[in-house]
N, C-alpha and C. Protein backbone atom coordinates (compact mmCIF):
# COMPACT_ATOMS: atom_id res chain seq x y z
N MET A 1 66.92 106.94 184.52
CA MET A 1 66.18 107.88 183.72
C MET A 1 65.23 107.10 182.81
N LYS A 2 63.98 107.53 182.74
CA LYS A 2 62.99 106.86 181.91
C LYS A 2 62.76 107.63 180.62
N PHE A 3 62.53 106.86 179.55
CA PHE A 3 62.30 107.44 178.23
C PHE A 3 61.09 106.79 177.60
N ASN A 4 60.31 107.58 176.89
CA ASN A 4 59.29 107.05 176.01
C ASN A 4 60.03 106.61 174.75
N THR A 5 59.93 105.34 174.42
CA THR A 5 60.71 104.77 173.31
C THR A 5 60.44 105.49 171.99
N GLN A 6 59.19 105.74 171.68
CA GLN A 6 58.85 106.37 170.39
C GLN A 6 59.36 107.81 170.33
N GLU A 7 59.25 108.53 171.44
CA GLU A 7 59.77 109.90 171.48
C GLU A 7 61.28 109.92 171.35
N LEU A 8 61.95 108.96 171.99
CA LEU A 8 63.41 108.87 171.89
C LEU A 8 63.84 108.59 170.45
N ILE A 9 63.16 107.67 169.78
CA ILE A 9 63.48 107.37 168.38
C ILE A 9 63.35 108.63 167.53
N LYS A 10 62.26 109.36 167.73
CA LYS A 10 62.04 110.60 166.96
C LYS A 10 63.12 111.63 167.26
N GLU A 11 63.46 111.81 168.53
CA GLU A 11 64.47 112.78 168.93
C GLU A 11 65.85 112.43 168.34
N LEU A 12 66.22 111.15 168.41
CA LEU A 12 67.53 110.73 167.88
C LEU A 12 67.57 110.84 166.36
N SER A 13 66.47 110.48 165.69
CA SER A 13 66.40 110.62 164.22
C SER A 13 66.53 112.07 163.81
N THR A 14 65.85 112.96 164.52
CA THR A 14 65.92 114.39 164.22
C THR A 14 67.34 114.91 164.37
N ALA A 15 68.04 114.46 165.40
CA ALA A 15 69.43 114.89 165.61
C ALA A 15 70.30 114.47 164.44
N ILE A 16 70.16 113.24 163.98
CA ILE A 16 70.98 112.74 162.86
C ILE A 16 70.64 113.50 161.58
N ILE A 17 69.36 113.68 161.30
CA ILE A 17 68.95 114.34 160.06
C ILE A 17 69.43 115.79 160.04
N SER A 18 69.33 116.51 161.14
CA SER A 18 69.76 117.91 161.15
C SER A 18 71.28 118.02 161.00
N GLN A 19 72.02 117.08 161.58
CA GLN A 19 73.48 117.09 161.41
C GLN A 19 73.84 116.82 159.94
N GLN A 20 73.13 115.88 159.33
CA GLN A 20 73.39 115.57 157.93
C GLN A 20 73.07 116.74 157.00
N GLN A 21 72.02 117.47 157.30
CA GLN A 21 71.70 118.64 156.48
C GLN A 21 72.81 119.68 156.58
N TRP A 22 73.35 119.88 157.78
CA TRP A 22 74.46 120.81 157.95
C TRP A 22 75.68 120.30 157.18
N MET A 23 75.94 118.99 157.25
CA MET A 23 77.08 118.40 156.54
C MET A 23 76.96 118.66 155.04
N GLU A 24 75.79 118.47 154.48
CA GLU A 24 75.58 118.69 153.05
C GLU A 24 75.82 120.15 152.67
N ARG A 25 75.37 121.06 153.52
CA ARG A 25 75.50 122.50 153.24
C ARG A 25 76.93 123.00 153.42
N GLU A 26 77.55 122.61 154.51
CA GLU A 26 78.79 123.26 154.95
C GLU A 26 80.07 122.47 154.71
N ILE A 27 79.98 121.17 154.55
CA ILE A 27 81.19 120.34 154.47
C ILE A 27 81.38 119.75 153.08
N GLN A 28 80.33 119.19 152.51
CA GLN A 28 80.49 118.48 151.25
C GLN A 28 80.89 119.39 150.09
N THR A 29 80.75 120.69 150.25
CA THR A 29 81.13 121.63 149.20
C THR A 29 82.60 122.04 149.28
N LEU A 30 83.30 121.65 150.34
CA LEU A 30 84.70 122.04 150.51
C LEU A 30 85.62 121.23 149.60
N SER A 31 86.75 121.83 149.26
CA SER A 31 87.75 121.12 148.46
C SER A 31 88.46 120.08 149.32
N GLU A 32 89.15 119.16 148.68
CA GLU A 32 89.89 118.15 149.44
C GLU A 32 90.98 118.80 150.30
N GLU A 33 91.58 119.86 149.78
CA GLU A 33 92.60 120.57 150.57
C GLU A 33 91.98 121.16 151.84
N GLU A 34 90.81 121.75 151.72
CA GLU A 34 90.12 122.32 152.89
C GLU A 34 89.68 121.22 153.85
N LEU A 35 89.25 120.09 153.31
CA LEU A 35 88.81 118.98 154.15
C LEU A 35 89.97 118.36 154.93
N ASN A 36 91.20 118.53 154.43
CA ASN A 36 92.39 118.00 155.10
C ASN A 36 93.13 119.05 155.92
N TRP A 37 92.62 120.29 155.96
CA TRP A 37 93.26 121.36 156.73
C TRP A 37 93.23 121.04 158.22
N LYS A 38 94.35 121.37 158.90
CA LYS A 38 94.43 121.17 160.35
C LYS A 38 94.86 122.46 161.02
N ALA A 39 94.28 122.73 162.17
CA ALA A 39 94.65 123.92 162.95
C ALA A 39 96.05 123.76 163.53
N ALA A 40 96.45 122.53 163.81
CA ALA A 40 97.77 122.22 164.37
C ALA A 40 98.13 120.80 163.93
N PRO A 41 99.42 120.48 163.93
CA PRO A 41 99.82 119.14 163.47
C PRO A 41 99.17 117.98 164.24
N ASP A 42 98.89 118.18 165.52
CA ASP A 42 98.31 117.10 166.33
C ASP A 42 96.78 117.15 166.41
N SER A 43 96.15 118.09 165.71
CA SER A 43 94.69 118.16 165.69
C SER A 43 94.17 117.38 164.48
N TRP A 44 92.86 117.14 164.47
CA TRP A 44 92.25 116.42 163.36
C TRP A 44 91.74 117.38 162.30
N SER A 45 91.77 116.90 161.07
CA SER A 45 91.13 117.59 159.96
C SER A 45 89.65 117.18 159.95
N ILE A 46 88.88 117.80 159.07
CA ILE A 46 87.48 117.42 158.91
C ILE A 46 87.37 115.96 158.52
N LEU A 47 88.19 115.54 157.54
CA LEU A 47 88.11 114.15 157.09
C LEU A 47 88.52 113.17 158.18
N GLU A 48 89.49 113.52 158.99
CA GLU A 48 89.89 112.64 160.09
C GLU A 48 88.76 112.51 161.12
N CYS A 49 88.13 113.62 161.41
CA CYS A 49 87.02 113.61 162.37
C CYS A 49 85.87 112.74 161.85
N VAL A 50 85.53 112.88 160.58
CA VAL A 50 84.45 112.09 159.99
C VAL A 50 84.86 110.62 159.90
N GLU A 51 86.10 110.35 159.56
CA GLU A 51 86.59 108.96 159.50
C GLU A 51 86.50 108.30 160.88
N HIS A 52 86.78 109.04 161.93
CA HIS A 52 86.62 108.54 163.29
C HIS A 52 85.18 108.07 163.51
N LEU A 53 84.22 108.88 163.09
CA LEU A 53 82.80 108.50 163.21
C LEU A 53 82.49 107.26 162.36
N ASN A 54 83.10 107.18 161.18
CA ASN A 54 82.89 106.02 160.31
C ASN A 54 83.38 104.74 160.98
N ARG A 55 84.50 104.83 161.67
CA ARG A 55 85.05 103.64 162.34
C ARG A 55 84.14 103.17 163.47
N TYR A 56 83.52 104.08 164.17
CA TYR A 56 82.56 103.68 165.20
C TYR A 56 81.30 103.10 164.56
N ALA A 57 80.85 103.71 163.48
CA ALA A 57 79.67 103.19 162.78
C ALA A 57 79.92 101.77 162.29
N GLU A 58 81.12 101.52 161.79
CA GLU A 58 81.47 100.18 161.30
C GLU A 58 81.33 99.15 162.43
N PHE A 59 81.67 99.54 163.63
CA PHE A 59 81.56 98.63 164.77
C PHE A 59 80.10 98.43 165.19
N TYR A 60 79.34 99.52 165.31
CA TYR A 60 78.02 99.45 165.93
C TYR A 60 76.84 99.14 165.01
N LEU A 61 76.85 99.63 163.78
CA LEU A 61 75.63 99.54 162.96
C LEU A 61 75.18 98.11 162.70
N ASP A 62 76.10 97.19 162.42
CA ASP A 62 75.71 95.80 162.21
C ASP A 62 75.06 95.20 163.45
N LYS A 63 75.56 95.58 164.61
CA LYS A 63 75.02 95.07 165.88
C LYS A 63 73.60 95.58 166.10
N PHE A 64 73.38 96.86 165.79
CA PHE A 64 72.02 97.40 165.91
C PHE A 64 71.08 96.71 164.92
N GLU A 65 71.52 96.56 163.67
CA GLU A 65 70.67 95.94 162.66
C GLU A 65 70.31 94.50 163.03
N ALA A 66 71.26 93.76 163.58
CA ALA A 66 70.99 92.38 163.98
C ALA A 66 69.87 92.34 165.02
N LYS A 67 69.87 93.29 165.93
CA LYS A 67 68.82 93.34 166.95
C LYS A 67 67.47 93.71 166.34
N THR A 68 67.47 94.59 165.33
CA THR A 68 66.18 94.96 164.73
C THR A 68 65.53 93.77 164.04
N LYS A 69 66.36 92.81 163.61
CA LYS A 69 65.83 91.64 162.91
C LYS A 69 65.41 90.53 163.87
N CYS A 70 66.10 90.40 165.01
CA CYS A 70 65.80 89.25 165.86
C CYS A 70 65.82 89.58 167.35
N GLY A 71 65.70 90.84 167.70
CA GLY A 71 65.70 91.22 169.11
C GLY A 71 64.38 90.96 169.79
N GLU A 72 64.39 91.06 171.12
CA GLU A 72 63.18 90.84 171.91
C GLU A 72 62.19 91.98 171.68
N GLU A 73 60.95 91.59 171.42
CA GLU A 73 59.89 92.57 171.15
C GLU A 73 59.56 93.38 172.41
N THR A 74 59.05 94.57 172.20
CA THR A 74 58.75 95.46 173.32
C THR A 74 57.46 95.05 174.04
N LYS A 75 57.45 95.26 175.31
CA LYS A 75 56.25 95.02 176.12
C LYS A 75 55.70 96.34 176.65
N SER A 76 56.51 97.40 176.52
CA SER A 76 56.14 98.69 177.08
C SER A 76 56.70 99.80 176.19
N ASP A 77 56.04 100.93 176.21
CA ASP A 77 56.53 102.08 175.44
C ASP A 77 57.58 102.86 176.21
N VAL A 78 57.86 102.44 177.45
CA VAL A 78 58.82 103.17 178.29
C VAL A 78 60.03 102.29 178.52
N TYR A 79 61.21 102.89 178.46
CA TYR A 79 62.42 102.14 178.77
C TYR A 79 63.19 102.88 179.84
N GLN A 80 63.74 102.10 180.77
CA GLN A 80 64.53 102.63 181.88
C GLN A 80 66.00 102.49 181.53
N SER A 81 66.69 103.61 181.45
CA SER A 81 68.12 103.60 181.15
C SER A 81 68.88 102.96 182.31
N GLY A 82 69.96 102.26 181.99
CA GLY A 82 70.85 101.73 183.02
C GLY A 82 71.77 102.83 183.52
N TRP A 83 72.26 102.72 184.73
CA TRP A 83 73.11 103.79 185.28
C TRP A 83 74.40 103.93 184.47
N LEU A 84 75.01 102.82 184.06
CA LEU A 84 76.26 102.90 183.30
C LEU A 84 76.01 103.42 181.89
N GLY A 85 74.96 102.92 181.25
CA GLY A 85 74.62 103.37 179.90
C GLY A 85 74.25 104.84 179.88
N ASN A 86 73.51 105.27 180.89
CA ASN A 86 73.14 106.68 180.99
C ASN A 86 74.39 107.54 181.17
N TYR A 87 75.31 107.06 182.01
CA TYR A 87 76.58 107.79 182.23
C TYR A 87 77.35 107.93 180.91
N PHE A 88 77.52 106.80 180.20
CA PHE A 88 78.27 106.83 178.93
C PHE A 88 77.59 107.74 177.91
N ALA A 89 76.27 107.62 177.78
CA ALA A 89 75.54 108.45 176.80
C ALA A 89 75.67 109.93 177.14
N ASN A 90 75.49 110.28 178.40
CA ASN A 90 75.58 111.68 178.80
C ASN A 90 77.00 112.22 178.74
N SER A 91 78.00 111.36 178.95
CA SER A 91 79.39 111.83 178.90
C SER A 91 79.81 112.27 177.50
N MET A 92 79.08 111.82 176.49
CA MET A 92 79.39 112.19 175.12
C MET A 92 78.88 113.58 174.76
N LEU A 93 77.85 114.03 175.45
CA LEU A 93 77.21 115.29 175.07
C LEU A 93 78.09 116.50 175.35
N PRO A 94 78.14 117.43 174.39
CA PRO A 94 78.83 118.69 174.65
C PRO A 94 78.06 119.50 175.69
N LYS A 95 78.77 120.31 176.44
CA LYS A 95 78.15 121.19 177.44
C LYS A 95 78.14 122.61 176.89
N GLU A 96 76.97 123.21 176.85
CA GLU A 96 76.80 124.58 176.35
C GLU A 96 77.46 124.78 174.98
N GLY A 97 77.27 123.78 174.10
CA GLY A 97 77.76 123.88 172.73
C GLY A 97 79.26 123.67 172.58
N LYS A 98 79.94 123.21 173.65
CA LYS A 98 81.38 122.97 173.58
C LYS A 98 81.70 121.60 174.14
N VAL A 99 82.73 120.99 173.58
CA VAL A 99 83.22 119.73 174.11
C VAL A 99 84.21 120.08 175.21
N THR A 100 83.82 119.84 176.44
CA THR A 100 84.65 120.25 177.58
C THR A 100 85.44 119.09 178.18
N ASN A 101 84.96 117.88 178.00
CA ASN A 101 85.64 116.73 178.57
C ASN A 101 86.35 115.94 177.47
N ARG A 102 87.62 116.21 177.31
CA ARG A 102 88.40 115.53 176.28
C ARG A 102 88.57 114.06 176.66
N MET A 103 88.56 113.20 175.64
CA MET A 103 88.70 111.77 175.87
C MET A 103 89.76 111.23 174.92
N LYS A 104 90.48 110.24 175.40
CA LYS A 104 91.49 109.58 174.57
C LYS A 104 90.78 108.63 173.62
N THR A 105 91.21 108.64 172.37
CA THR A 105 90.63 107.79 171.34
C THR A 105 91.38 106.47 171.28
N PHE A 106 90.64 105.37 171.15
CA PHE A 106 91.28 104.07 170.95
C PHE A 106 92.10 104.13 169.67
N SER A 107 93.25 103.48 169.65
CA SER A 107 94.15 103.56 168.50
C SER A 107 93.49 103.09 167.21
N ASP A 108 92.63 102.05 167.29
CA ASP A 108 91.98 101.57 166.08
C ASP A 108 90.87 102.49 165.58
N LYS A 109 90.49 103.47 166.40
CA LYS A 109 89.46 104.44 166.01
C LYS A 109 90.07 105.82 165.73
N ASN A 110 91.40 105.91 165.83
CA ASN A 110 92.10 107.18 165.61
C ASN A 110 92.62 107.25 164.18
N PRO A 111 92.06 108.13 163.36
CA PRO A 111 92.45 108.23 161.95
C PRO A 111 93.62 109.20 161.70
N SER A 112 94.20 109.73 162.74
CA SER A 112 95.25 110.74 162.60
C SER A 112 96.36 110.23 161.68
N GLY A 113 96.70 111.04 160.70
CA GLY A 113 97.76 110.70 159.76
C GLY A 113 97.33 109.81 158.61
N SER A 114 96.05 109.45 158.55
CA SER A 114 95.56 108.61 157.45
C SER A 114 95.48 109.43 156.17
N ASN A 115 95.63 108.76 155.05
CA ASN A 115 95.49 109.41 153.74
C ASN A 115 94.02 109.30 153.33
N LEU A 116 93.27 110.39 153.51
CA LEU A 116 91.81 110.35 153.34
C LEU A 116 91.36 111.22 152.18
N THR A 117 90.29 110.77 151.54
CA THR A 117 89.69 111.51 150.42
C THR A 117 88.22 111.79 150.74
N LYS A 118 87.55 112.45 149.80
CA LYS A 118 86.13 112.77 149.98
C LYS A 118 85.26 111.53 150.10
N LYS A 119 85.79 110.37 149.76
CA LYS A 119 85.04 109.12 149.90
C LYS A 119 84.60 108.93 151.35
N VAL A 120 85.37 109.45 152.30
CA VAL A 120 85.03 109.39 153.72
C VAL A 120 83.65 110.00 153.96
N LEU A 121 83.36 111.11 153.27
CA LEU A 121 82.06 111.78 153.42
C LEU A 121 80.92 110.94 152.86
N GLU A 122 81.19 110.24 151.74
CA GLU A 122 80.17 109.37 151.14
C GLU A 122 79.83 108.22 152.09
N VAL A 123 80.86 107.62 152.69
CA VAL A 123 80.64 106.53 153.64
C VAL A 123 79.83 107.04 154.83
N HIS A 124 80.19 108.22 155.32
CA HIS A 124 79.48 108.79 156.46
C HIS A 124 78.02 109.05 156.12
N GLN A 125 77.76 109.57 154.96
CA GLN A 125 76.38 109.82 154.52
C GLN A 125 75.57 108.53 154.52
N ARG A 126 76.15 107.47 153.95
CA ARG A 126 75.46 106.17 153.92
C ARG A 126 75.23 105.64 155.34
N ASP A 127 76.24 105.79 156.20
CA ASP A 127 76.11 105.32 157.58
C ASP A 127 75.00 106.06 158.32
N GLN A 128 74.90 107.37 158.10
CA GLN A 128 73.87 108.15 158.79
C GLN A 128 72.48 107.79 158.28
N GLU A 129 72.36 107.56 156.97
CA GLU A 129 71.07 107.12 156.42
C GLU A 129 70.70 105.75 157.00
N ARG A 130 71.69 104.90 157.10
CA ARG A 130 71.47 103.57 157.68
C ARG A 130 71.06 103.68 159.15
N LEU A 131 71.67 104.59 159.88
CA LEU A 131 71.33 104.77 161.29
C LEU A 131 69.88 105.24 161.46
N VAL A 132 69.44 106.14 160.60
CA VAL A 132 68.04 106.59 160.65
C VAL A 132 67.10 105.41 160.35
N GLU A 133 67.47 104.57 159.38
CA GLU A 133 66.66 103.37 159.09
C GLU A 133 66.62 102.44 160.29
N ILE A 134 67.76 102.26 160.95
CA ILE A 134 67.81 101.41 162.14
C ILE A 134 66.87 101.96 163.21
N LEU A 135 66.93 103.26 163.42
CA LEU A 135 66.03 103.88 164.40
C LEU A 135 64.57 103.61 164.05
N ASN A 136 64.22 103.80 162.79
CA ASN A 136 62.84 103.57 162.36
C ASN A 136 62.43 102.11 162.51
N ASP A 137 63.38 101.19 162.27
CA ASP A 137 63.10 99.75 162.37
C ASP A 137 63.15 99.23 163.80
N SER A 138 63.50 100.09 164.75
CA SER A 138 63.67 99.67 166.14
C SER A 138 62.42 99.82 166.98
N SER A 139 61.37 100.38 166.43
CA SER A 139 60.21 100.73 167.25
C SER A 139 59.53 99.54 167.91
N HIS A 140 59.75 98.34 167.40
CA HIS A 140 59.14 97.14 167.98
C HIS A 140 59.99 96.50 169.07
N LEU A 141 61.20 96.99 169.29
CA LEU A 141 62.14 96.36 170.22
C LEU A 141 61.94 96.81 171.65
N ASP A 142 62.33 95.94 172.56
CA ASP A 142 62.43 96.29 173.97
C ASP A 142 63.81 96.93 174.16
N PHE A 143 63.84 98.23 174.36
CA PHE A 143 65.10 98.98 174.46
C PHE A 143 65.87 98.68 175.74
N GLY A 144 65.20 98.05 176.70
CA GLY A 144 65.86 97.72 177.96
C GLY A 144 66.39 96.30 178.01
N LYS A 145 65.71 95.36 177.38
CA LYS A 145 66.14 93.96 177.45
C LYS A 145 67.18 93.60 176.41
N ASN A 146 67.14 94.22 175.25
CA ASN A 146 68.14 93.95 174.22
C ASN A 146 69.43 94.65 174.60
N ARG A 147 70.56 93.99 174.34
CA ARG A 147 71.88 94.52 174.72
C ARG A 147 72.79 94.59 173.50
N ILE A 148 73.67 95.60 173.52
CA ILE A 148 74.63 95.82 172.44
C ILE A 148 76.03 95.83 173.04
N PRO A 149 76.97 95.01 172.50
CA PRO A 149 78.35 95.06 172.99
C PRO A 149 78.99 96.41 172.65
N THR A 150 79.98 96.80 173.42
CA THR A 150 80.65 98.09 173.21
C THR A 150 82.06 97.88 172.69
N THR A 151 82.69 98.96 172.31
CA THR A 151 84.08 98.91 171.85
C THR A 151 85.04 98.62 172.99
N LEU A 152 84.56 98.67 174.23
CA LEU A 152 85.40 98.33 175.38
C LEU A 152 85.61 96.82 175.50
N GLY A 153 84.79 96.05 174.82
CA GLY A 153 84.88 94.59 174.85
C GLY A 153 83.50 93.97 174.83
N SER A 154 83.42 92.74 174.34
CA SER A 154 82.11 92.08 174.22
C SER A 154 81.50 91.80 175.60
N TRP A 155 82.32 91.80 176.64
CA TRP A 155 81.82 91.58 178.00
C TRP A 155 81.02 92.78 178.51
N MET A 156 81.27 93.97 177.95
CA MET A 156 80.56 95.19 178.38
C MET A 156 79.46 95.48 177.37
N LYS A 157 78.22 95.25 177.80
CA LYS A 157 77.07 95.49 176.93
C LYS A 157 76.20 96.55 177.54
N LEU A 158 75.64 97.39 176.67
CA LEU A 158 74.70 98.43 177.09
C LEU A 158 73.30 98.05 176.62
N LYS A 159 72.31 98.53 177.34
CA LYS A 159 70.94 98.38 176.87
C LYS A 159 70.84 99.02 175.49
N TYR A 160 70.00 98.46 174.65
CA TYR A 160 69.84 98.93 173.27
C TYR A 160 69.62 100.44 173.22
N GLY A 161 68.71 100.93 174.03
CA GLY A 161 68.41 102.37 174.05
C GLY A 161 69.61 103.20 174.48
N ASP A 162 70.36 102.72 175.48
CA ASP A 162 71.55 103.44 175.94
C ASP A 162 72.64 103.44 174.86
N ALA A 163 72.78 102.30 174.17
CA ALA A 163 73.78 102.22 173.11
C ALA A 163 73.43 103.18 171.96
N LEU A 164 72.14 103.27 171.62
CA LEU A 164 71.72 104.23 170.59
C LEU A 164 72.02 105.66 171.03
N ARG A 165 71.67 105.97 172.27
CA ARG A 165 71.93 107.32 172.79
C ARG A 165 73.43 107.60 172.79
N PHE A 166 74.23 106.62 173.19
CA PHE A 166 75.69 106.78 173.22
C PHE A 166 76.24 107.10 171.84
N ILE A 167 75.90 106.29 170.84
CA ILE A 167 76.50 106.47 169.50
C ILE A 167 76.02 107.77 168.87
N ILE A 168 74.77 108.14 169.07
CA ILE A 168 74.26 109.38 168.47
C ILE A 168 74.80 110.59 169.22
N ASN A 169 74.92 110.52 170.53
CA ASN A 169 75.55 111.62 171.28
C ASN A 169 77.02 111.76 170.89
N HIS A 170 77.66 110.64 170.58
CA HIS A 170 79.05 110.68 170.10
C HIS A 170 79.14 111.43 168.77
N ILE A 171 78.17 111.20 167.91
CA ILE A 171 78.12 111.91 166.63
C ILE A 171 77.91 113.41 166.88
N VAL A 172 76.95 113.74 167.74
CA VAL A 172 76.69 115.16 168.08
C VAL A 172 77.96 115.81 168.61
N ARG A 173 78.66 115.11 169.47
CA ARG A 173 79.92 115.61 170.06
C ARG A 173 80.91 115.98 168.95
N HIS A 174 81.07 115.08 167.98
CA HIS A 174 82.05 115.33 166.92
C HIS A 174 81.55 116.35 165.89
N TYR A 175 80.26 116.53 165.79
CA TYR A 175 79.77 117.60 164.92
C TYR A 175 80.09 118.97 165.52
N VAL A 176 80.13 119.06 166.84
CA VAL A 176 80.60 120.31 167.47
C VAL A 176 82.05 120.55 167.06
N GLN A 177 82.83 119.50 167.08
CA GLN A 177 84.23 119.60 166.64
C GLN A 177 84.30 119.98 165.16
N LEU A 178 83.45 119.38 164.33
CA LEU A 178 83.43 119.71 162.90
C LEU A 178 83.08 121.18 162.67
N HIS A 179 82.15 121.72 163.44
CA HIS A 179 81.82 123.15 163.33
C HIS A 179 83.06 123.99 163.61
N ARG A 180 83.80 123.62 164.66
CA ARG A 180 84.99 124.37 165.04
C ARG A 180 86.07 124.28 163.95
N ILE A 181 86.28 123.10 163.40
CA ILE A 181 87.27 122.94 162.33
C ILE A 181 86.84 123.73 161.11
N ARG A 182 85.55 123.67 160.79
CA ARG A 182 85.02 124.42 159.62
C ARG A 182 85.28 125.91 159.78
N GLU A 183 85.09 126.44 160.99
CA GLU A 183 85.40 127.85 161.25
C GLU A 183 86.88 128.14 161.05
N GLY A 184 87.73 127.21 161.44
CA GLY A 184 89.17 127.35 161.22
C GLY A 184 89.54 127.36 159.76
N VAL A 185 88.90 126.53 158.99
CA VAL A 185 89.12 126.49 157.52
C VAL A 185 88.76 127.85 156.93
N GLU A 186 87.62 128.38 157.35
CA GLU A 186 87.16 129.68 156.84
C GLU A 186 88.12 130.79 157.24
N ALA A 187 88.59 130.78 158.49
CA ALA A 187 89.54 131.79 158.96
C ALA A 187 90.85 131.69 158.19
N ALA A 188 91.29 130.49 157.91
CA ALA A 188 92.55 130.30 157.15
C ALA A 188 92.40 130.82 155.73
N LYS A 189 91.21 130.62 155.13
CA LYS A 189 90.97 131.16 153.78
C LYS A 189 90.99 132.67 153.79
N GLN A 190 90.39 133.28 154.80
CA GLN A 190 90.35 134.73 154.91
C GLN A 190 91.76 135.32 155.10
N ALA A 191 92.60 134.59 155.84
CA ALA A 191 93.94 135.09 156.15
C ALA A 191 94.87 134.98 154.95
N SER A 192 94.59 134.10 154.00
CA SER A 192 95.50 133.94 152.86
C SER A 192 95.16 134.80 151.68
């Protein structure tokens, strides 16, 4: 799949900014009790879901920033996605507004049972602002030649553009989950 690099940067930035605006409106105003509410003992709360995103950001953002500072410059405005990177990026996307393909979370990225506070939201806000800056600072890079290691191991690297699509689609995926949890919080308030 081919992408215009500048259009992709704009599209990914828009996705992050719109998710953050929703977070500010709908999530940051909730009490800590509401943020820790769970539909079932084995499901995630809002804070656990956001902490999961924070743990992925902790892994990826430094790697993206390092490439923006010293990565290979672009020779073309078009980048060709790799078949594996395209698969991973697309596998993260919800289908028809729902997450239909459940995936097992790596234990180090699973926040279930953690003692979390609203500080998780502050970290997430900073990470999302940082991600938008990374996107803006990436316009000079060759999205096909630069590679980013994955959480599967340093031996598995994705093209820079595929890695960006993967991490942002992962965020979109979990924002669908956050919408669902937020609806559950509201329903629980109405029922009590």
